[in-house]
Each structure stands twice: as structure tokens, then as C-alpha cells.
Amino acid sequence: MNARKAAQLASRYLDPAARPEDRGAQVFEGDLPPHGEGAALILITRPGPTDPMDWSCWAVPEFK
């Protein structure tokens, strides 16, 4: 049986319009849970939620 478990590993909402430190390239570092051969971290980019934030962002990252 291959049980799947969902858990939020990290969360960060960027607001470059209001926070100058959120402008430009961003770096993310984090520890991943133990994994076996063939594991993958999938990052999907989507447009921002509003016109002032119409830039690409990670949405619903998946680790499997």
C-alpha cells in the first residue's frame, strides 16, 4: 500500500508592490522529508493574483 500524506512544508507570500525587499530574485532553502530514489520536487509557476502582482509565482508545489 502506498499511503500519501499531505503537509505544508513552508509558506511565503511576496508583496513586491508594498515591500521593497520582496523585489528581484528570491532564494528559497528548506529541508525535504526523507525520500527514496525517484523522488521529485515539482514547482509550477502561475501569474500573480492581481495586476500590481502580475509576475510569476510558485503555486501548489508538490514533493513526491
PDB file of N, CA and C in Angstrom:
ATOM      1  N   MET A   1       0.844  -1.186   0.000  1.00  0.00           N
ATOM      2  CA  MET A   1       0.000   0.000   0.000  1.00  0.00           C
ATOM      3  C   MET A   1       0.881   1.239   0.000  1.00  0.00           C
ATOM      4  N   ASN A   2       0.586   2.185  -0.854  1.00  0.00           N
ATOM      5  CA  ASN A   2       1.361   3.425  -0.973  1.00  0.00           C
ATOM      6  C   ASN A   2       0.536   4.561  -0.379  1.00  0.00           C
ATOM      7  N   ALA A   3       0.704   4.812   0.905  1.00  0.00           N
ATOM      8  CA  ALA A   3      -0.059   5.879   1.573  1.00  0.00           C
ATOM      9  C   ALA A   3       0.527   7.239   1.227  1.00  0.00           C
ATOM     10  N   ARG A   4      -0.331   8.176   0.916  1.00  0.00           N
ATOM     11  CA  ARG A   4       0.109   9.547   0.610  1.00  0.00           C
ATOM     12  C   ARG A   4      -0.237  10.428   1.793  1.00  0.00           C
ATOM     13  N   LYS A   5       0.651  11.337   2.103  1.00  0.00           N
ATOM     14  CA  LYS A   5       0.443  12.239   3.225  1.00  0.00           C
ATOM     15  C   LYS A   5       0.718  13.658   2.751  1.00  0.00           C
ATOM     16  N   ALA A   6      -0.184  14.571   3.046  1.00  0.00           N
ATOM     17  CA  ALA A   6      -0.003  15.974   2.664  1.00  0.00           C
ATOM     18  C   ALA A   6       0.419  16.773   3.890  1.00  0.00           C
ATOM     19  N   ALA A   7       1.396  17.659   3.706  1.00  0.00           N
ATOM     20  CA  ALA A   7       1.855  18.523   4.795  1.00  0.00           C
ATOM     21  C   ALA A   7       2.426  19.801   4.196  1.00  0.00           C
ATOM     22  N   GLN A   8       2.110  20.929   4.793  1.00  0.00           N
ATOM     23  CA  GLN A   8       2.682  22.194   4.336  1.00  0.00           C
ATOM     24  C   GLN A   8       4.097  22.302   4.892  1.00  0.00           C
ATOM     25  N   LEU A   9       5.070  22.416   3.997  1.00  0.00           N
ATOM     26  CA  LEU A   9       6.464  22.490   4.402  1.00  0.00           C
ATOM     27  C   LEU A   9       6.904  23.919   4.651  1.00  0.00           C
ATOM     28  N   ALA A  10       6.347  24.859   3.901  1.00  0.00           N
ATOM     29  CA  ALA A  10       6.722  26.265   4.047  1.00  0.00           C
ATOM     30  C   ALA A  10       5.681  27.125   3.351  1.00  0.00           C
ATOM     31  N   SER A  11       5.628  28.392   3.744  1.00  0.00           N
ATOM     32  CA  SER A  11       4.728  29.334   3.103  1.00  0.00           C
ATOM     33  C   SER A  11       5.354  30.717   3.147  1.00  0.00           C
ATOM     34  N   ARG A  12       5.318  31.420   2.019  1.00  0.00           N
ATOM     35  CA  ARG A  12       5.845  32.785   1.969  1.00  0.00           C
ATOM     36  C   ARG A  12       5.113  33.505   0.860  1.00  0.00           C
ATOM     37  N   TYR A  13       4.423  34.588   1.195  1.00  0.00           N
ATOM     38  CA  TYR A  13       3.694  35.381   0.216  1.00  0.00           C
ATOM     39  C   TYR A  13       4.508  36.638  -0.057  1.00  0.00           C
ATOM     40  N   LEU A  14       4.910  36.831  -1.302  1.00  0.00           N
ATOM     41  CA  LEU A  14       5.691  38.018  -1.677  1.00  0.00           C
ATOM     42  C   LEU A  14       4.758  39.161  -2.047  1.00  0.00           C
ATOM     43  N   ASP A  15       5.116  40.363  -1.643  1.00  0.00           N
ATOM     44  CA  ASP A  15       4.332  41.561  -1.949  1.00  0.00           C
ATOM     45  C   ASP A  15       5.288  42.656  -2.417  1.00  0.00           C
ATOM     46  N   PRO A  16       5.801  42.539  -3.657  1.00  0.00           N
ATOM     47  CA  PRO A  16       6.797  43.493  -4.136  1.00  0.00           C
ATOM     48  C   PRO A  16       6.275  44.927  -4.275  1.00  0.00           C
ATOM     49  N   ALA A  17       4.964  45.101  -4.427  1.00  0.00           N
ATOM     50  CA  ALA A  17       4.417  46.459  -4.539  1.00  0.00           C
ATOM     51  C   ALA A  17       4.571  47.217  -3.220  1.00  0.00           C
ATOM     52  N   ALA A  18       4.428  46.536  -2.102  1.00  0.00           N
ATOM     53  CA  ALA A  18       4.485  47.187  -0.795  1.00  0.00           C
ATOM     54  C   ALA A  18       5.794  46.964  -0.050  1.00  0.00           C
ATOM     55  N   ARG A  19       6.543  45.915  -0.401  1.00  0.00           N
ATOM     56  CA  ARG A  19       7.770  45.574   0.326  1.00  0.00           C
ATOM     57  C   ARG A  19       8.958  45.543  -0.621  1.00  0.00           C
ATOM     58  N   PRO A  20       9.805  46.571  -0.599  1.00  0.00           N
ATOM     59  CA  PRO A  20      10.961  46.600  -1.499  1.00  0.00           C
ATOM     60  C   PRO A  20      11.852  45.357  -1.394  1.00  0.00           C
ATOM     61  N   GLU A  21      11.962  44.762  -0.197  1.00  0.00           N
ATOM     62  CA  GLU A  21      12.808  43.571  -0.041  1.00  0.00           C
ATOM     63  C   GLU A  21      12.251  42.357  -0.780  1.00  0.00           C
ATOM     64  N   ASP A  22      10.992  42.419  -1.213  1.00  0.00           N
ATOM     65  CA  ASP A  22      10.401  41.327  -1.978  1.00  0.00           C
ATOM     66  C   ASP A  22      10.628  41.471  -3.481  1.00  0.00           C
ATOM     67  N   ARG A  23      11.279  42.542  -3.901  1.00  0.00           N
ATOM     68  CA  ARG A  23      11.529  42.765  -5.330  1.00  0.00           C
ATOM     69  C   ARG A  23      12.792  42.039  -5.751  1.00  0.00           C
ATOM     70  N   GLY A  24      12.833  41.651  -7.000  1.00  0.00           N
ATOM     71  CA  GLY A  24      14.018  40.973  -7.526  1.00  0.00           C
ATOM     72  C   GLY A  24      13.962  39.476  -7.276  1.00  0.00           C
ATOM     73  N   ALA A  25      15.081  38.816  -7.579  1.00  0.00           N
ATOM     74  CA  ALA A  25      15.160  37.364  -7.417  1.00  0.00           C
ATOM     75  C   ALA A  25      15.068  36.990  -5.945  1.00  0.00           C
ATOM     76  N   GLN A  26      14.371  35.906  -5.673  1.00  0.00           N
ATOM     77  CA  GLN A  26      14.207  35.404  -4.306  1.00  0.00           C
ATOM     78  C   GLN A  26      14.849  34.018  -4.205  1.00  0.00           C
ATOM     79  N   VAL A  27      15.395  33.726  -3.037  1.00  0.00           N
ATOM     80  CA  VAL A  27      16.017  32.428  -2.792  1.00  0.00           C
ATOM     81  C   VAL A  27      15.194  31.687  -1.746  1.00  0.00           C
ATOM     82  N   PHE A  28      14.958  30.420  -1.990  1.00  0.00           N
ATOM     83  CA  PHE A  28      14.251  29.581  -1.026  1.00  0.00           C
ATOM     84  C   PHE A  28      15.133  28.399  -0.680  1.00  0.00           C
ATOM     85  N   GLU A  29      15.291  28.138   0.599  1.00  0.00           N
ATOM     86  CA  GLU A  29      16.010  26.955   1.062  1.00  0.00           C
ATOM     87  C   GLU A  29      15.150  26.262   2.106  1.00  0.00           C
ATOM     88  N   GLY A  30      15.134  24.966   2.080  1.00  0.00           N
ATOM     89  CA  GLY A  30      14.362  24.222   3.066  1.00  0.00           C
ATOM     90  C   GLY A  30      14.730  22.756   3.027  1.00  0.00           C
ATOM     91  N   ASP A  31      14.505  22.095   4.125  1.00  0.00           N
ATOM     92  CA  ASP A  31      14.773  20.662   4.208  1.00  0.00           C
ATOM     93  C   ASP A  31      13.561  19.888   3.721  1.00  0.00           C
ATOM     94  N   LEU A  32      13.814  18.864   2.941  1.00  0.00           N
ATOM     95  CA  LEU A  32      12.744  17.998   2.462  1.00  0.00           C
ATOM     96  C   LEU A  32      12.674  16.769   3.359  1.00  0.00           C
ATOM     97  N   PRO A  33      11.516  16.179   3.458  1.00  0.00           N
ATOM     98  CA  PRO A  33      11.391  14.969   4.268  1.00  0.00           C
ATOM     99  C   PRO A  33      12.219  13.834   3.660  1.00  0.00           C
ATOM    100  N   PRO A  34      12.487  12.798   4.437  1.00  0.00           N
ATOM    101  CA  PRO A  34      13.214  11.648   3.876  1.00  0.00           C
ATOM    102  C   PRO A  34      12.507  11.134   2.621  1.00  0.00           C
ATOM    103  N   HIS A  35      13.300  10.700   1.640  1.00  0.00           N
ATOM    104  CA  HIS A  35      12.712  10.267   0.381  1.00  0.00           C
ATOM    105  C   HIS A  35      13.558   9.162  -0.243  1.00  0.00           C
ATOM    106  N   GLY A  36      12.972   8.436  -1.124  1.00  0.00           N
ATOM    107  CA  GLY A  36      13.652   7.344  -1.812  1.00  0.00           C
ATOM    108  C   GLY A  36      14.050   7.750  -3.225  1.00  0.00           C
ATOM    109  N   GLU A  37      14.635   6.811  -3.912  1.00  0.00           N
ATOM    110  CA  GLU A  37      15.049   7.034  -5.295  1.00  0.00           C
ATOM    111  C   GLU A  37      13.841   7.368  -6.156  1.00  0.00           C
ATOM    112  N   GLY A  38      13.990   8.329  -7.036  1.00  0.00           N
ATOM    113  CA  GLY A  38      12.894   8.719  -7.925  1.00  0.00           C
ATOM    114  C   GLY A  38      12.021   9.823  -7.358  1.00  0.00           C
ATOM    115  N   ALA A  39      12.351  10.327  -6.167  1.00  0.00           N
ATOM    116  CA  ALA A  39      11.569  11.424  -5.594  1.00  0.00           C
ATOM    117  C   ALA A  39      11.735  12.678  -6.452  1.00  0.00           C
ATOM    118  N   ALA A  40      10.745  13.552  -6.423  1.00  0.00           N
ATOM    119  CA  ALA A  40      10.799  14.768  -7.232  1.00  0.00           C
ATOM    120  C   ALA A  40      10.121  15.925  -6.502  1.00  0.00           C
ATOM    121  N   LEU A  41      10.668  17.114  -6.677  1.00  0.00           N
ATOM    122  CA  LEU A  41      10.051  18.348  -6.203  1.00  0.00           C
ATOM    123  C   LEU A  41       9.553  19.065  -7.446  1.00  0.00           C
ATOM    124  N   ILE A  42       8.244  19.275  -7.533  1.00  0.00           N
ATOM    125  CA  ILE A  42       7.635  19.875  -8.717  1.00  0.00           C
ATOM    126  C   ILE A  42       7.161  21.281  -8.358  1.00  0.00           C
ATOM    127  N   LEU A  43       7.676  22.287  -9.058  1.00  0.00           N
ATOM    128  CA  LEU A  43       7.296  23.682  -8.850  1.00  0.00           C
ATOM    129  C   LEU A  43       6.606  24.182 -10.106  1.00  0.00           C
ATOM    130  N   ILE A  44       5.395  24.662  -9.964  1.00  0.00           N
ATOM    131  CA  ILE A  44       4.606  25.175 -11.083  1.00  0.00           C
ATOM    132  C   ILE A  44       4.532  26.693 -10.931  1.00  0.00           C
ATOM    133  N   THR A  45       4.718  27.423 -12.006  1.00  0.00           N
ATOM    134  CA  THR A  45       4.593  28.878 -11.938  1.00  0.00           C
ATOM    135  C   THR A  45       3.256  29.305 -12.515  1.00  0.00           C
ATOM    136  N   ARG A  46       2.686  30.311 -11.888  1.00  0.00           N
ATOM    137  CA  ARG A  46       1.414  30.898 -12.330  1.00  0.00           C
ATOM    138  C   ARG A  46       1.526  32.402 -12.195  1.00  0.00           C
ATOM    139  N   PRO A  47       0.693  33.165 -12.897  1.00  0.00           N
ATOM    140  CA  PRO A  47       0.724  34.613 -12.754  1.00  0.00           C
ATOM    141  C   PRO A  47       0.248  35.026 -11.364  1.00  0.00           C
ATOM    142  N   GLY A  48       0.678  36.198 -10.927  1.00  0.00           N
ATOM    143  CA  GLY A  48       0.261  36.722  -9.629  1.00  0.00           C
ATOM    144  C   GLY A  48      -1.238  36.965  -9.568  1.00  0.00           C
ATOM    145  N   PRO A  49      -1.784  37.134  -8.350  1.00  0.00           N
ATOM    146  CA  PRO A  49      -3.225  37.238  -8.184  1.00  0.00           C
ATOM    147  C   PRO A  49      -3.843  38.577  -8.580  1.00  0.00           C
ATOM    148  N   THR A  50      -3.057  39.643  -8.687  1.00  0.00           N
ATOM    149  CA  THR A  50      -3.603  40.961  -9.016  1.00  0.00           C
ATOM    150  C   THR A  50      -2.723  41.642 -10.053  1.00  0.00           C
ATOM    151  N   ASP A  51      -3.223  42.707 -10.685  1.00  0.00           N
ATOM    152  CA  ASP A  51      -2.429  43.429 -11.677  1.00  0.00           C
ATOM    153  C   ASP A  51      -1.096  43.942 -11.124  1.00  0.00           C
ATOM    154  N   PRO A  52      -1.068  44.573  -9.924  1.00  0.00           N
ATOM    155  CA  PRO A  52       0.238  45.017  -9.407  1.00  0.00           C
ATOM    156  C   PRO A  52       1.178  43.850  -9.129  1.00  0.00           C
ATOM    157  N   MET A  53       0.627  42.653  -8.989  1.00  0.00           N
ATOM    158  CA  MET A  53       1.456  41.484  -8.718  1.00  0.00           C
ATOM    159  C   MET A  53       1.420  40.522  -9.904  1.00  0.00           C
ATOM    160  N   ASP A  54       1.363  41.044 -11.097  1.00  0.00           N
ATOM    161  CA  ASP A  54       1.289  40.201 -12.287  1.00  0.00           C
ATOM    162  C   ASP A  54       2.688  39.727 -12.675  1.00  0.00           C
ATOM    163  N   TRP A  55       3.205  38.870 -11.864  1.00  0.00           N
ATOM    164  CA  TRP A  55       4.508  38.261 -12.093  1.00  0.00           C
ATOM    165  C   TRP A  55       4.366  36.792 -11.745  1.00  0.00           C
ATOM    166  N   SER A  56       5.267  36.000 -12.190  1.00  0.00           N
ATOM    167  CA  SER A  56       5.163  34.565 -11.946  1.00  0.00           C
ATOM    168  C   SER A  56       5.455  34.222 -10.501  1.00  0.00           C
ATOM    169  N   CYS A  57       4.785  33.207 -10.006  1.00  0.00           N
ATOM    170  CA  CYS A  57       4.996  32.742  -8.634  1.00  0.00           C
ATOM    171  C   CYS A  57       4.846  31.228  -8.598  1.00  0.00           C
ATOM    172  N   TRP A  58       5.390  30.612  -7.564  1.00  0.00           N
ATOM    173  CA  TRP A  58       5.202  29.183  -7.385  1.00  0.00           C
ATOM    174  C   TRP A  58       3.805  28.957  -6.874  1.00  0.00           C
ATOM    175  N   ALA A  59       3.160  27.962  -7.359  1.00  0.00           N
ATOM    176  CA  ALA A  59       1.806  27.646  -6.906  1.00  0.00           C
ATOM    177  C   ALA A  59       1.692  26.143  -6.722  1.00  0.00           C
ATOM    178  N   VAL A  60       1.217  25.741  -5.605  1.00  0.00           N
ATOM    179  CA  VAL A  60       0.960  24.348  -5.276  1.00  0.00           C
ATOM    180  C   VAL A  60       2.179  23.457  -5.568  1.00  0.00           C
ATOM    181  N   PRO A  61       3.328  23.754  -4.924  1.00  0.00           N
ATOM    182  CA  PRO A  61       4.473  22.869  -5.134  1.00  0.00           C
ATOM    183  C   PRO A  61       4.148  21.463  -4.615  1.00  0.00           C
ATOM    184  N   GLU A  62       4.724  20.462  -5.239  1.00  0.00           N
ATOM    185  CA  GLU A  62       4.439  19.079  -4.871  1.00  0.00           C
ATOM    186  C   GLU A  62       5.746  18.308  -4.733  1.00  0.00           C
ATOM    187  N   PHE A  63       5.863  17.546  -3.672  1.00  0.00           N
ATOM    188  CA  PHE A  63       7.028  16.680  -3.440  1.00  0.00           C
ATOM    189  C   PHE A  63       6.530  15.255  -3.438  1.00  0.00           C
ATOM    190  N   LYS A  64       7.070  14.458  -4.350  1.00  0.00           N
ATOM    191  CA  LYS A  64       6.655  13.042  -4.372  1.00  0.00           C
ATOM    192  C   LYS A  64       7.818  12.171  -4.725  1.00  0.00           C
TER     193      LYS A  64
END
